[in-house]
Structure formats: C-alpha cells, structure tokens
Amino acid sequence: MESFVYQVVMLTVAAAMLLALLSIVFVSWRNGISPMPSSAVVRREVLQLLRSLPGQGVMVDAGSGWGTLALQLARSDRRWRIIGIENSVIPMWISFLTAKLENRTNVSFIKQDLYTYSYRDVDRVVCYLYPGAMRRLDAIFGEQLKPGTYVISICFALPYRKPERIIQCKDLYRTKIYLYEI
C-alpha cells in the first residue's frame, strides 16, 4: 500500500511539473520570447541608474518574468511601489510567492498582457523584452506615459526614440541599458 501511495504521489508531482513546463513553453512560443532573468551585473547597473534619477512613485517592470529585477529593486529602494506585469502564470506565481516569503510590501505581481496595461499613472518603466515588443510599446508609451517619465530598457532599444543615455555593462555580453525620458 505504501508503495502504491508513493507511486501516485510521484506521478502527480511529475504530471504537475510537466504541465508547468508545457505552460511556460506555450506562453513563451506565443510571446515570441521566454522569461529570461537579467544578470546580477545588469540588475546592479539598472539600480544605480534608477538611483541617479529624481523621483518616486509607481514603477512597472513590463514583462517581469521570474521577478528577479523587480524584487531586487523592491529590496533596494523603498521609495517606489513596483508592479511586475507578466502573462506567463508559472513565473508570475514564483515572483508573487517570493515577494510574500520575503514580506515585500512595496512590490506586487499581476498576470496581464503588457500591451493592454494602462501606463497612465506610472512614473518609471523598466523592461527586458525583445525588438518586436519594444516596437509595440514605443507607441503605447508615447500615448500613455506622462511627460518626464523615464523608461529603462535592457538589451533592446525603443526603435523610434533617441536614448538620453546608453550604459554598456561589464558582463559577458556587454549588455546595453537604454534610458529614455518621454
């Protein structure tokens, strides 16, 4: 009987893991990109850049993935209320649970399409997406963000705007971070 219960439990766990993996693969295929965490070097550079800019308020991590950047920002700077937007359920839930376990009250994660989110009351946007997403968001940011709002993009530029600053990280990939003021 113990062996049977053990086998049922193991099969249930394996099935749940397979469904989670398939969910991530499907959403990654639909999005055109998988949830990719930014490196520690890049996260430090983004944090340093954000600290050099004036202001406080609401910051959105558009396409927050596993939440590594949003959580580090929440740990490091309590002036900001950080909202991670992610449409892949598993990474979003891992981010949410990590924030709960760390008792982070200045960060939240929501499951939503980053193209339908309203950016009208946002003071900063941070994103690590891909060229197609940046093209689509460029128009959305132009319509919705208030003048003076900063957008920080990791790796990929907004195609129709000139960045205020470009920072090249000292990581393996020489990752670029683009700063825009809308």
Protein backbone atom coordinates (compact mmCIF):
# COMPACT_ATOMS: atom_id res chain seq x y z
CA MET A 1 0.00 0.00 0.00
CA GLU A 2 2.84 2.42 0.88
CA SER A 3 4.46 1.72 -2.48
CA PHE A 4 1.21 2.46 -4.29
CA VAL A 5 0.72 5.80 -2.46
CA TYR A 6 4.34 6.73 -3.18
CA GLN A 7 3.86 5.98 -6.90
CA VAL A 8 0.64 8.01 -7.06
CA VAL A 9 2.30 10.96 -5.33
CA MET A 10 5.35 10.79 -7.61
CA LEU A 11 3.18 10.55 -10.75
CA THR A 12 1.09 13.50 -9.57
CA VAL A 13 4.21 15.59 -8.95
CA ALA A 14 5.66 14.59 -12.33
CA ALA A 15 2.39 15.46 -14.09
CA ALA A 16 2.24 18.85 -12.35
CA MET A 17 5.84 19.60 -13.33
CA LEU A 18 5.15 18.58 -16.92
CA LEU A 19 2.06 20.81 -17.06
CA ALA A 20 4.06 23.73 -15.60
CA LEU A 21 6.81 23.22 -18.17
CA LEU A 22 4.30 22.99 -21.03
CA SER A 23 2.61 26.16 -19.79
CA ILE A 24 5.92 28.06 -19.86
CA VAL A 25 6.80 26.69 -23.31
CA PHE A 26 3.38 27.56 -24.74
CA VAL A 27 3.35 31.13 -23.39
CA SER A 28 6.98 31.62 -24.49
CA TRP A 29 6.06 30.47 -28.00
CA ARG A 30 3.03 32.76 -28.07
CA ASN A 31 5.02 35.75 -26.74
CA GLY A 32 7.99 35.16 -29.01
CA ILE A 33 10.37 35.12 -26.03
CA SER A 34 10.85 33.09 -22.86
CA PRO A 35 11.06 34.65 -19.37
CA MET A 36 14.76 35.48 -19.09
CA PRO A 37 16.23 36.76 -15.82
CA SER A 38 18.65 39.66 -16.05
CA SER A 39 22.15 39.04 -14.70
CA ALA A 40 23.33 40.39 -11.34
CA VAL A 41 25.66 42.84 -13.12
CA VAL A 42 22.78 44.22 -15.20
CA ARG A 43 20.47 44.45 -12.19
CA ARG A 44 23.12 46.42 -10.27
CA GLU A 45 23.58 48.84 -13.21
CA VAL A 46 19.82 49.37 -13.51
CA LEU A 47 19.56 50.02 -9.78
CA GLN A 48 22.44 52.51 -9.91
CA LEU A 49 20.82 54.27 -12.89
CA LEU A 50 17.45 54.47 -11.12
CA ARG A 51 19.07 55.92 -8.01
CA SER A 52 20.66 58.67 -10.11
CA LEU A 53 17.24 59.82 -11.36
CA PRO A 54 14.93 62.04 -9.31
CA GLY A 55 11.52 60.97 -8.15
CA GLN A 56 9.49 58.28 -6.54
CA GLY A 57 6.12 56.69 -7.12
CA VAL A 58 4.97 53.77 -9.27
CA MET A 59 7.43 51.73 -11.29
CA VAL A 60 6.35 49.00 -13.69
CA ASP A 61 8.54 46.06 -14.67
CA ALA A 62 6.91 45.27 -18.03
CA GLY A 63 7.36 41.56 -18.69
CA SER A 64 8.73 40.83 -15.21
CA GLY A 65 9.35 37.12 -15.88
CA TRP A 66 10.70 35.41 -12.76
CA GLY A 67 10.71 38.73 -10.87
CA THR A 68 14.46 38.95 -10.25
CA LEU A 69 14.75 42.62 -11.28
CA ALA A 70 11.52 43.79 -9.62
CA LEU A 71 12.41 42.01 -6.38
CA GLN A 72 15.93 43.47 -6.29
CA LEU A 73 14.52 46.94 -6.92
CA ALA A 74 11.99 46.41 -4.11
CA ARG A 75 14.73 45.29 -1.73
CA SER A 76 16.96 48.23 -2.57
CA ASP A 77 14.66 51.23 -2.89
CA ARG A 78 11.53 51.57 -0.76
CA ARG A 79 10.55 54.91 -2.40
CA TRP A 80 8.95 53.00 -5.25
CA ARG A 81 5.83 50.88 -5.46
CA ILE A 82 6.80 48.28 -8.03
CA ILE A 83 4.34 46.39 -10.20
CA GLY A 84 5.58 43.39 -12.15
CA ILE A 85 3.46 42.58 -15.21
CA GLU A 86 3.76 39.04 -16.57
CA ASN A 87 1.43 36.93 -18.69
CA SER A 88 3.07 33.57 -18.00
CA VAL A 89 1.42 32.02 -14.94
CA ILE A 90 4.31 29.97 -13.51
CA PRO A 91 6.97 32.74 -13.46
CA MET A 92 4.37 35.22 -12.18
CA TRP A 93 3.39 32.92 -9.30
CA ILE A 94 7.03 32.25 -8.40
CA SER A 95 7.61 36.02 -8.31
CA PHE A 96 4.48 36.51 -6.22
CA LEU A 97 5.43 33.77 -3.74
CA THR A 98 9.00 35.06 -3.43
CA ALA A 99 7.69 38.53 -2.61
CA LYS A 100 5.34 37.03 0.00
CA LEU A 101 8.11 34.90 1.55
CA GLU A 102 10.36 37.95 1.76
CA ASN A 103 7.46 40.01 3.13
CA ARG A 104 7.96 42.65 0.41
CA THR A 105 5.11 45.12 0.69
CA ASN A 106 6.35 47.52 -2.00
CA VAL A 107 6.19 45.04 -4.88
CA SER A 108 3.29 43.19 -6.46
CA PHE A 109 2.94 40.95 -9.48
CA ILE A 110 -0.05 40.75 -11.77
CA LYS A 111 -0.91 38.43 -14.64
CA GLN A 112 -1.68 40.71 -17.54
CA ASP A 113 -0.79 41.43 -21.13
CA LEU A 114 1.78 44.23 -21.10
CA TYR A 115 0.23 45.75 -24.23
CA THR A 116 -3.19 46.25 -22.60
CA TYR A 117 -1.92 47.53 -19.25
CA SER A 118 -2.61 51.24 -18.61
CA TYR A 119 0.68 53.10 -18.11
CA ARG A 120 -1.06 56.44 -17.45
CA ASP A 121 -0.24 56.60 -13.71
CA VAL A 122 3.28 55.19 -13.98
CA ASP A 123 6.40 57.18 -13.08
CA ARG A 124 9.03 54.70 -14.35
CA VAL A 125 9.05 51.69 -16.66
CA VAL A 126 11.75 49.03 -16.70
CA CYS A 127 11.74 46.32 -19.34
CA TYR A 128 13.87 43.47 -20.70
CA LEU A 129 11.93 42.35 -23.74
CA TYR A 130 12.74 41.85 -27.45
CA PRO A 131 12.68 44.13 -30.54
CA GLY A 132 9.08 43.33 -31.56
CA ALA A 133 7.79 44.14 -28.08
CA MET A 134 9.79 47.36 -27.96
CA ARG A 135 8.26 48.44 -31.28
CA ARG A 136 4.74 47.86 -29.97
CA LEU A 137 5.44 49.50 -26.61
CA ASP A 138 7.03 52.58 -28.19
CA ALA A 139 3.63 53.76 -29.48
CA ILE A 140 1.88 52.81 -26.22
CA PHE A 141 4.43 54.72 -24.14
CA GLY A 142 4.07 57.75 -26.41
CA GLU A 143 0.29 57.77 -25.92
CA GLN A 144 0.09 56.91 -22.23
CA LEU A 145 3.19 57.96 -20.29
CA LYS A 146 3.28 61.40 -18.70
CA PRO A 147 5.98 63.83 -19.88
CA GLY A 148 9.11 63.32 -17.79
CA THR A 149 8.53 59.60 -17.27
CA TYR A 150 11.69 57.53 -17.63
CA VAL A 151 11.85 54.22 -19.47
CA ILE A 152 14.81 51.93 -18.89
CA SER A 153 15.22 49.12 -21.38
CA ILE A 154 17.71 46.29 -21.04
CA CYS A 155 19.28 44.97 -24.26
CA PHE A 156 16.77 46.33 -26.77
CA ALA A 157 16.15 49.95 -27.71
CA LEU A 158 12.88 51.71 -28.40
CA PRO A 159 13.19 51.91 -32.20
CA TYR A 160 11.67 55.37 -32.76
CA ARG A 161 13.29 57.29 -29.90
CA LYS A 162 16.75 58.57 -29.15
CA PRO A 163 18.02 57.44 -25.74
CA GLU A 164 19.15 60.02 -23.20
CA ARG A 165 21.90 57.65 -22.18
CA ILE A 166 23.28 54.23 -23.08
CA ILE A 167 25.17 52.25 -20.48
CA GLN A 168 27.27 49.28 -21.50
CA CYS A 169 27.59 46.72 -18.71
CA LYS A 170 30.78 44.91 -17.90
CA ASP A 171 29.19 41.50 -18.24
CA LEU A 172 29.95 38.67 -20.65
CA TYR A 173 27.55 40.01 -23.29
CA ARG A 174 28.40 43.72 -22.90
CA THR A 175 24.68 44.28 -22.30
CA LYS A 176 23.38 47.73 -23.11
CA ILE A 177 20.90 49.59 -20.94
CA TYR A 178 18.93 52.37 -22.63
CA LEU A 179 17.49 55.33 -20.74
CA TYR A 180 14.66 57.35 -22.29
CA GLU A 181 12.78 60.36 -20.99
CA ILE A 182 9.33 60.55 -22.53
